[in-house]
Amino acid sequence: MTTIPESADPTCLIDDPIQAARAVFDTVRRGGVAIFRTDVGYAIVGHGPDAIARIYRLKKRSAAKPCGCFASRAILDSLIMRDARADALVQAVVGRHDLPLSVVGRYDAGHPLISGAPAAVRPLATKGETIDLLMNAGPIHDEIARLSLDAGMAVFGSSANASLAGSKFRFQDIEPEVRSGVDLAVDSGPTRYAHPAGLGSTIIDLDSMEPFRIGIHFDAIRDIARRECGIDIPQAVRAA
């Protein structure tokens, strides 16, 4: 896959979320790196080894920290091995309450989104037998996830910010060195949600029901899990 050269000024404004998603996905499919708005913060994404390496370089991110996968309920259903309790949590949080949620689950290694990912990328997009999926994070994100599943090509990435600097909820707050190093940067205005500590989505382990990250809407997600699913999500982050 040919890598798109870095652009001097990759910023653009695209009002329509479907058009924005298609522009981002096309950039990623052609080997590039793109920035776009999700409901839980701006994201930086790619697919091929050169693109993922560039994301890590721009963010100054440790290779010990894996990327996430930009996903959907349909991707979860076909990719992740889970039990009825996990299904109940996702249905309650994402389905009934329409909240964004990231989950960590055991993946099917034969799934096209995994088997079709470049060998050099898989260790950076998974951890052991698990992968982190972001779901229900806004119309641009959700259309990218749909295109990803249809094409059998995973979209991997992270929050669009320097590592440890906190998620960015306004395009102009993304560090210039991160913004200028991509091929496409779509400014769609402020995000739907924000976190006072700069954290993105809440991340829950679907096997243990422990939080990997206490982020956006954590208290609401924990309350929904207890009241509607009989699941007691701990208040402390899971030890690494």
C-alpha atoms as a PDB file:
ATOM      1  CA  MET A   1       0.000   0.000   0.000  1.00  0.00           C
ATOM      2  CA  THR A   2       1.427   3.356  -1.011  1.00  0.00           C
ATOM      3  CA  THR A   3       1.846   5.917   1.726  1.00  0.00           C
ATOM      4  CA  ILE A   4       0.518   9.379   0.997  1.00  0.00           C
ATOM      5  CA  PRO A   5       3.191  12.056   1.565  1.00  0.00           C
ATOM      6  CA  GLU A   6       2.676  14.379   4.497  1.00  0.00           C
ATOM      7  CA  SER A   7       0.897  17.603   3.543  1.00  0.00           C
ATOM      8  CA  ALA A   8       1.878  21.142   4.508  1.00  0.00           C
ATOM      9  CA  ASP A   9      -1.739  22.118   5.210  1.00  0.00           C
ATOM     10  CA  PRO A  10      -4.068  19.127   5.527  1.00  0.00           C
ATOM     11  CA  THR A  11      -6.930  20.989   7.245  1.00  0.00           C
ATOM     12  CA  CYS A  12     -10.350  21.070   5.637  1.00  0.00           C
ATOM     13  CA  LEU A  13     -13.947  21.776   6.631  1.00  0.00           C
ATOM     14  CA  ILE A  14     -16.600  19.203   5.697  1.00  0.00           C
ATOM     15  CA  ASP A  15     -20.055  19.909   7.082  1.00  0.00           C
ATOM     16  CA  ASP A  16     -21.717  16.644   6.114  1.00  0.00           C
ATOM     17  CA  PRO A  17     -20.668  13.784   8.447  1.00  0.00           C
ATOM     18  CA  ILE A  18     -21.103  11.106   5.772  1.00  0.00           C
ATOM     19  CA  GLN A  19     -18.869  13.013   3.368  1.00  0.00           C
ATOM     20  CA  ALA A  20     -16.359  13.591   6.166  1.00  0.00           C
ATOM     21  CA  ALA A  21     -16.322   9.882   7.008  1.00  0.00           C
ATOM     22  CA  ARG A  22     -15.803   8.908   3.391  1.00  0.00           C
ATOM     23  CA  ALA A  23     -12.945  11.391   3.006  1.00  0.00           C
ATOM     24  CA  VAL A  24     -11.271  10.020   6.139  1.00  0.00           C
ATOM     25  CA  PHE A  25     -11.772   6.399   5.123  1.00  0.00           C
ATOM     26  CA  ASP A  26     -10.478   7.025   1.614  1.00  0.00           C
ATOM     27  CA  THR A  27      -7.376   8.678   3.070  1.00  0.00           C
ATOM     28  CA  VAL A  28      -6.779   5.714   5.362  1.00  0.00           C
ATOM     29  CA  ARG A  29      -7.421   3.184   2.596  1.00  0.00           C
ATOM     30  CA  ARG A  30      -4.802   4.907   0.410  1.00  0.00           C
ATOM     31  CA  GLY A  31      -2.206   4.578   3.154  1.00  0.00           C
ATOM     32  CA  GLY A  32      -2.606   7.965   4.791  1.00  0.00           C
ATOM     33  CA  VAL A  33      -3.257   9.350   8.253  1.00  0.00           C
ATOM     34  CA  ALA A  34      -6.356  11.381   9.077  1.00  0.00           C
ATOM     35  CA  ILE A  35      -7.774  13.393  11.968  1.00  0.00           C
ATOM     36  CA  PHE A  36     -11.516  13.641  12.564  1.00  0.00           C
ATOM     37  CA  ARG A  37     -14.001  14.441  15.308  1.00  0.00           C
ATOM     38  CA  THR A  38     -15.673  11.771  17.402  1.00  0.00           C
ATOM     39  CA  ASP A  39     -18.191  12.526  20.147  1.00  0.00           C
ATOM     40  CA  VAL A  40     -15.493  11.805  22.750  1.00  0.00           C
ATOM     41  CA  GLY A  41     -12.571  13.757  21.274  1.00  0.00           C
ATOM     42  CA  TYR A  42     -10.658  14.233  18.056  1.00  0.00           C
ATOM     43  CA  ALA A  43      -9.031  11.046  16.745  1.00  0.00           C
ATOM     44  CA  ILE A  44      -6.037  10.234  14.553  1.00  0.00           C
ATOM     45  CA  VAL A  45      -6.297   7.089  12.419  1.00  0.00           C
ATOM     46  CA  GLY A  46      -4.554   4.902   9.851  1.00  0.00           C
ATOM     47  CA  HIS A  47      -4.212   1.295   8.753  1.00  0.00           C
ATOM     48  CA  GLY A  48      -0.906   0.383   7.125  1.00  0.00           C
ATOM     49  CA  PRO A  49       2.449   0.066   8.905  1.00  0.00           C
ATOM     50  CA  ASP A  50       3.797   3.403   7.649  1.00  0.00           C
ATOM     51  CA  ALA A  51       0.613   5.205   8.721  1.00  0.00           C
ATOM     52  CA  ILE A  52       0.568   3.622  12.165  1.00  0.00           C
ATOM     53  CA  ALA A  53       4.282   4.362  12.629  1.00  0.00           C
ATOM     54  CA  ARG A  54       3.595   7.988  11.718  1.00  0.00           C
ATOM     55  CA  ILE A  55       0.783   8.201  14.284  1.00  0.00           C
ATOM     56  CA  TYR A  56       3.140   6.946  16.993  1.00  0.00           C
ATOM     57  CA  ARG A  57       5.836   9.379  15.886  1.00  0.00           C
ATOM     58  CA  LEU A  58       3.504  12.396  15.765  1.00  0.00           C
ATOM     59  CA  LYS A  59       2.034  11.613  19.174  1.00  0.00           C
ATOM     60  CA  LYS A  60       5.399  10.562  20.665  1.00  0.00           C
ATOM     61  CA  ARG A  61       3.490   7.518  21.862  1.00  0.00           C
ATOM     62  CA  SER A  62       5.179   4.510  23.446  1.00  0.00           C
ATOM     63  CA  ALA A  63       5.028   1.351  21.336  1.00  0.00           C
ATOM     64  CA  ALA A  64       3.998  -0.443  24.541  1.00  0.00           C
ATOM     65  CA  LYS A  65       0.581   1.271  24.285  1.00  0.00           C
ATOM     66  CA  PRO A  66      -1.625  -0.332  21.619  1.00  0.00           C
ATOM     67  CA  CYS A  67      -3.961   1.554  19.297  1.00  0.00           C
ATOM     68  CA  GLY A  68      -7.711   1.193  19.433  1.00  0.00           C
ATOM     69  CA  CYS A  69     -10.052   0.082  16.661  1.00  0.00           C
ATOM     70  CA  PHE A  70     -12.865   2.349  15.472  1.00  0.00           C
ATOM     71  CA  ALA A  71     -15.824   0.017  15.570  1.00  0.00           C
ATOM     72  CA  SER A  72     -19.559  -0.622  15.884  1.00  0.00           C
ATOM     73  CA  ARG A  73     -22.050  -3.068  17.334  1.00  0.00           C
ATOM     74  CA  ALA A  74     -21.834  -5.026  14.072  1.00  0.00           C
ATOM     75  CA  ILE A  75     -18.046  -5.274  14.385  1.00  0.00           C
ATOM     76  CA  LEU A  76     -18.354  -6.293  18.033  1.00  0.00           C
ATOM     77  CA  ASP A  77     -20.892  -8.988  17.143  1.00  0.00           C
ATOM     78  CA  SER A  78     -18.683 -10.576  14.494  1.00  0.00           C
ATOM     79  CA  LEU A  79     -15.243 -10.026  16.027  1.00  0.00           C
ATOM     80  CA  ILE A  80     -15.398 -10.331  19.813  1.00  0.00           C
ATOM     81  CA  MET A  81     -15.869 -13.541  21.837  1.00  0.00           C
ATOM     82  CA  ARG A  82     -18.047 -12.669  24.811  1.00  0.00           C
ATOM     83  CA  ASP A  83     -20.797 -13.907  27.101  1.00  0.00           C
ATOM     84  CA  ALA A  84     -24.416 -12.892  27.713  1.00  0.00           C
ATOM     85  CA  ARG A  85     -23.389 -10.518  30.489  1.00  0.00           C
ATOM     86  CA  ALA A  86     -21.183  -8.562  28.087  1.00  0.00           C
ATOM     87  CA  ASP A  87     -23.975  -8.427  25.528  1.00  0.00           C
ATOM     88  CA  ALA A  88     -26.371  -7.112  28.185  1.00  0.00           C
ATOM     89  CA  LEU A  89     -23.955  -4.316  29.133  1.00  0.00           C
ATOM     90  CA  VAL A  90     -23.408  -3.192  25.544  1.00  0.00           C
ATOM     91  CA  GLN A  91     -27.111  -3.356  24.745  1.00  0.00           C
ATOM     92  CA  ALA A  92     -27.963  -1.252  27.800  1.00  0.00           C
ATOM     93  CA  VAL A  93     -25.235   1.376  27.472  1.00  0.00           C
ATOM     94  CA  VAL A  94     -25.006   1.688  23.687  1.00  0.00           C
ATOM     95  CA  GLY A  95     -28.407   0.418  22.609  1.00  0.00           C
ATOM     96  CA  ARG A  96     -30.897   1.773  25.133  1.00  0.00           C
ATOM     97  CA  HIS A  97     -29.025   4.777  26.503  1.00  0.00           C
ATOM     98  CA  ASP A  98     -27.133   5.783  23.347  1.00  0.00           C
ATOM     99  CA  LEU A  99     -23.857   6.445  25.162  1.00  0.00           C
ATOM    100  CA  PRO A 100     -20.356   6.056  23.729  1.00  0.00           C
ATOM    101  CA  LEU A 101     -18.384   3.113  25.072  1.00  0.00           C
ATOM    102  CA  SER A 102     -15.010   1.482  24.519  1.00  0.00           C
ATOM    103  CA  VAL A 103     -14.653  -2.204  25.334  1.00  0.00           C
ATOM    104  CA  VAL A 104     -11.724  -4.580  25.533  1.00  0.00           C
ATOM    105  CA  GLY A 105     -12.512  -8.116  24.427  1.00  0.00           C
ATOM    106  CA  ARG A 106     -11.007 -11.334  23.101  1.00  0.00           C
ATOM    107  CA  TYR A 107     -11.000 -11.263  19.307  1.00  0.00           C
ATOM    108  CA  ASP A 108     -11.429 -13.941  16.654  1.00  0.00           C
ATOM    109  CA  ALA A 109      -8.012 -14.095  14.971  1.00  0.00           C
ATOM    110  CA  GLY A 110      -9.609 -15.346  11.752  1.00  0.00           C
ATOM    111  CA  HIS A 111     -11.834 -12.302  11.356  1.00  0.00           C
ATOM    112  CA  PRO A 112     -10.961 -10.282   8.212  1.00  0.00           C
ATOM    113  CA  LEU A 113     -10.368  -7.109  10.255  1.00  0.00           C
ATOM    114  CA  ILE A 114      -7.619  -8.951  12.139  1.00  0.00           C
ATOM    115  CA  SER A 115      -6.288 -11.406   9.563  1.00  0.00           C
ATOM    116  CA  GLY A 116      -6.316  -8.674   6.920  1.00  0.00           C
ATOM    117  CA  ALA A 117      -4.337  -6.208   9.029  1.00  0.00           C
ATOM    118  CA  PRO A 118      -0.643  -5.953   8.104  1.00  0.00           C
ATOM    119  CA  ALA A 119       1.551  -8.236  10.214  1.00  0.00           C
ATOM    120  CA  ALA A 120       3.610  -5.269  11.425  1.00  0.00           C
ATOM    121  CA  VAL A 121       0.460  -3.489  12.630  1.00  0.00           C
ATOM    122  CA  ARG A 122      -1.264  -6.300  14.536  1.00  0.00           C
ATOM    123  CA  PRO A 123       1.060  -6.132  17.591  1.00  0.00           C
ATOM    124  CA  LEU A 124       0.366  -2.385  17.834  1.00  0.00           C
ATOM    125  CA  ALA A 125      -3.416  -2.773  17.419  1.00  0.00           C
ATOM    126  CA  THR A 126      -3.959  -5.628  19.876  1.00  0.00           C
ATOM    127  CA  LYS A 127      -2.733  -6.680  23.291  1.00  0.00           C
ATOM    128  CA  GLY A 128      -2.329 -10.398  23.722  1.00  0.00           C
ATOM    129  CA  GLU A 129      -5.619 -11.915  22.594  1.00  0.00           C
ATOM    130  CA  THR A 130      -7.617  -8.703  23.119  1.00  0.00           C
ATOM    131  CA  ILE A 131      -8.485  -5.567  21.189  1.00  0.00           C
ATOM    132  CA  ASP A 132     -10.002  -2.224  22.218  1.00  0.00           C
ATOM    133  CA  LEU A 133     -13.125  -1.215  20.269  1.00  0.00           C
ATOM    134  CA  LEU A 134     -14.730   2.240  20.357  1.00  0.00           C
ATOM    135  CA  MET A 135     -18.471   2.202  19.646  1.00  0.00           C
ATOM    136  CA  ASN A 136     -21.220   4.775  19.210  1.00  0.00           C
ATOM    137  CA  ALA A 137     -18.935   7.794  19.023  1.00  0.00           C
ATOM    138  CA  GLY A 138     -20.857  10.024  16.642  1.00  0.00           C
ATOM    139  CA  PRO A 139     -22.006  10.053  13.009  1.00  0.00           C
ATOM    140  CA  ILE A 140     -18.552  10.445  11.423  1.00  0.00           C
ATOM    141  CA  HIS A 141     -17.121   7.660  13.560  1.00  0.00           C
ATOM    142  CA  ASP A 142     -20.091   5.353  12.994  1.00  0.00           C
ATOM    143  CA  GLU A 143     -19.953   5.753   9.204  1.00  0.00           C
ATOM    144  CA  ILE A 144     -16.203   5.060   9.241  1.00  0.00           C
ATOM    145  CA  ALA A 145     -16.909   1.876  11.229  1.00  0.00           C
ATOM    146  CA  ARG A 146     -19.564   0.837   8.678  1.00  0.00           C
ATOM    147  CA  LEU A 147     -17.193   1.445   5.767  1.00  0.00           C
ATOM    148  CA  SER A 148     -14.470  -0.439   7.637  1.00  0.00           C
ATOM    149  CA  LEU A 149     -16.596  -3.555   8.101  1.00  0.00           C
ATOM    150  CA  ASP A 150     -17.901  -3.450   4.525  1.00  0.00           C
ATOM    151  CA  ALA A 151     -14.359  -3.192   3.150  1.00  0.00           C
ATOM    152  CA  GLY A 152     -12.848  -5.698   5.594  1.00  0.00           C
ATOM    153  CA  MET A 153     -10.213  -3.125   6.533  1.00  0.00           C
ATOM    154  CA  ALA A 154      -9.773  -2.095  10.144  1.00  0.00           C
ATOM    155  CA  VAL A 155      -9.273   1.545  11.054  1.00  0.00           C
ATOM    156  CA  PHE A 156      -6.795   1.861  13.922  1.00  0.00           C
ATOM    157  CA  GLY A 157      -5.696   4.873  15.899  1.00  0.00           C
ATOM    158  CA  SER A 158      -5.822   6.927  19.025  1.00  0.00           C
ATOM    159  CA  SER A 159      -6.765  10.335  20.338  1.00  0.00           C
ATOM    160  CA  ALA A 160      -5.390  13.216  18.254  1.00  0.00           C
ATOM    161  CA  ASN A 161      -2.980  14.736  20.730  1.00  0.00           C
ATOM    162  CA  ALA A 162       0.565  14.439  21.964  1.00  0.00           C
ATOM    163  CA  SER A 163       0.895  11.422  24.223  1.00  0.00           C
ATOM    164  CA  LEU A 164      -0.205  12.064  27.831  1.00  0.00           C
ATOM    165  CA  ALA A 165      -1.409  15.573  26.904  1.00  0.00           C
ATOM    166  CA  GLY A 166      -5.104  14.725  27.132  1.00  0.00           C
ATOM    167  CA  SER A 167      -7.840  14.336  24.538  1.00  0.00           C
ATOM    168  CA  LYS A 168      -8.732  17.393  22.499  1.00  0.00           C
ATOM    169  CA  PHE A 169     -12.368  18.448  22.326  1.00  0.00           C
ATOM    170  CA  ARG A 170     -11.786  21.404  19.967  1.00  0.00           C
ATOM    171  CA  PHE A 171      -9.884  21.109  16.704  1.00  0.00           C
ATOM    172  CA  GLN A 172      -7.759  24.186  17.426  1.00  0.00           C
ATOM    173  CA  ASP A 173      -6.481  22.595  20.636  1.00  0.00           C
ATOM    174  CA  ILE A 174      -4.741  19.749  18.792  1.00  0.00           C
ATOM    175  CA  GLU A 175      -1.001  20.385  18.893  1.00  0.00           C
ATOM    176  CA  PRO A 176       0.183  21.980  15.626  1.00  0.00           C
ATOM    177  CA  GLU A 177       2.869  19.334  15.159  1.00  0.00           C
ATOM    178  CA  VAL A 178       0.218  16.613  15.295  1.00  0.00           C
ATOM    179  CA  ARG A 179      -2.257  18.484  13.072  1.00  0.00           C
ATOM    180  CA  SER A 180       0.268  19.352  10.386  1.00  0.00           C
ATOM    181  CA  GLY A 181       1.754  15.864  10.140  1.00  0.00           C
ATOM    182  CA  VAL A 182      -1.312  14.124   8.718  1.00  0.00           C
ATOM    183  CA  ASP A 183      -2.766  13.893   5.224  1.00  0.00           C
ATOM    184  CA  LEU A 184      -6.295  14.998   6.117  1.00  0.00           C
ATOM    185  CA  ALA A 185      -7.504  16.906   9.179  1.00  0.00           C
ATOM    186  CA  VAL A 186     -11.254  17.512   9.263  1.00  0.00           C
ATOM    187  CA  ASP A 187     -12.324  20.394  11.507  1.00  0.00           C
ATOM    188  CA  SER A 188     -15.912  19.697  12.572  1.00  0.00           C
ATOM    189  CA  GLY A 189     -16.134  22.015  15.556  1.00  0.00           C
ATOM    190  CA  PRO A 190     -16.353  21.066  19.237  1.00  0.00           C
ATOM    191  CA  THR A 191     -17.080  17.500  20.303  1.00  0.00           C
ATOM    192  CA  ARG A 192     -20.398  16.436  21.792  1.00  0.00           C
ATOM    193  CA  TYR A 193     -18.843  15.368  25.091  1.00  0.00           C
ATOM    194  CA  ALA A 194     -15.744  16.440  27.012  1.00  0.00           C
ATOM    195  CA  HIS A 195     -13.956  15.323  30.156  1.00  0.00           C
ATOM    196  CA  PRO A 196     -12.497  17.780  32.687  1.00  0.00           C
ATOM    197  CA  ALA A 197      -9.304  15.717  32.965  1.00  0.00           C
ATOM    198  CA  GLY A 198      -8.936  15.352  29.193  1.00  0.00           C
ATOM    199  CA  LEU A 199      -9.914  11.680  29.155  1.00  0.00           C
ATOM    200  CA  GLY A 200     -11.762  10.104  26.259  1.00  0.00           C
ATOM    201  CA  SER A 201     -14.292   7.279  26.311  1.00  0.00           C
ATOM    202  CA  THR A 202     -14.720   4.996  29.291  1.00  0.00           C
ATOM    203  CA  ILE A 203     -13.069   1.612  28.596  1.00  0.00           C
ATOM    204  CA  ILE A 204     -14.505  -1.582  30.122  1.00  0.00           C
ATOM    205  CA  ASP A 205     -13.008  -5.097  30.016  1.00  0.00           C
ATOM    206  CA  LEU A 206     -15.843  -7.352  28.820  1.00  0.00           C
ATOM    207  CA  ASP A 207     -14.493 -10.408  30.651  1.00  0.00           C
ATOM    208  CA  SER A 208     -13.780  -8.944  34.084  1.00  0.00           C
ATOM    209  CA  MET A 209     -16.084  -5.896  33.875  1.00  0.00           C
ATOM    210  CA  GLU A 210     -13.249  -3.812  35.296  1.00  0.00           C
ATOM    211  CA  PRO A 211     -12.536  -0.350  33.889  1.00  0.00           C
ATOM    212  CA  PHE A 212      -9.324   0.154  31.939  1.00  0.00           C
ATOM    213  CA  ARG A 213     -10.084   3.868  31.890  1.00  0.00           C
ATOM    214  CA  ILE A 214     -12.570   5.957  33.849  1.00  0.00           C
ATOM    215  CA  GLY A 215     -13.575   8.442  31.188  1.00  0.00           C
ATOM    216  CA  ILE A 216     -16.623  10.097  29.689  1.00  0.00           C
ATOM    217  CA  HIS A 217     -19.943   9.068  31.279  1.00  0.00           C
ATOM    218  CA  PHE A 218     -18.269   6.555  33.616  1.00  0.00           C
ATOM    219  CA  ASP A 219     -20.687   7.201  36.483  1.00  0.00           C
ATOM    220  CA  ALA A 220     -23.702   6.834  34.189  1.00  0.00           C
ATOM    221  CA  ILE A 221     -22.307   3.650  32.626  1.00  0.00           C
ATOM    222  CA  ARG A 222     -21.599   2.190  36.052  1.00  0.00           C
ATOM    223  CA  ASP A 223     -25.125   3.033  37.230  1.00  0.00           C
ATOM    224  CA  ILE A 224     -26.724   1.524  34.103  1.00  0.00           C
ATOM    225  CA  ALA A 225     -24.651  -1.644  34.519  1.00  0.00           C
ATOM    226  CA  ARG A 226     -25.751  -2.048  38.145  1.00  0.00           C
ATOM    227  CA  ARG A 227     -29.436  -1.187  37.719  1.00  0.00           C
ATOM    228  CA  GLU A 228     -30.176  -2.835  34.384  1.00  0.00           C
ATOM    229  CA  CYS A 229     -27.640  -5.663  34.102  1.00  0.00           C
ATOM    230  CA  GLY A 230     -26.774  -6.593  37.696  1.00  0.00           C
ATOM    231  CA  ILE A 231     -23.115  -5.868  36.966  1.00  0.00           C
ATOM    232  CA  ASP A 232     -20.983  -4.131  39.566  1.00  0.00           C
ATOM    233  CA  ILE A 233     -18.247  -2.234  37.721  1.00  0.00           C
ATOM    234  CA  PRO A 234     -15.450  -1.383  40.187  1.00  0.00           C
ATOM    235  CA  GLN A 235     -14.661   2.269  40.801  1.00  0.00           C
ATOM    236  CA  ALA A 236     -10.911   1.668  40.521  1.00  0.00           C
ATOM    237  CA  VAL A 237      -9.044   1.256  37.237  1.00  0.00           C
ATOM    238  CA  ARG A 238      -7.805  -2.223  36.457  1.00  0.00           C
ATOM    239  CA  ALA A 239      -4.119  -2.687  37.218  1.00  0.00           C
ATOM    240  CA  ALA A 240      -1.949  -2.845  34.086  1.00  0.00           C
END
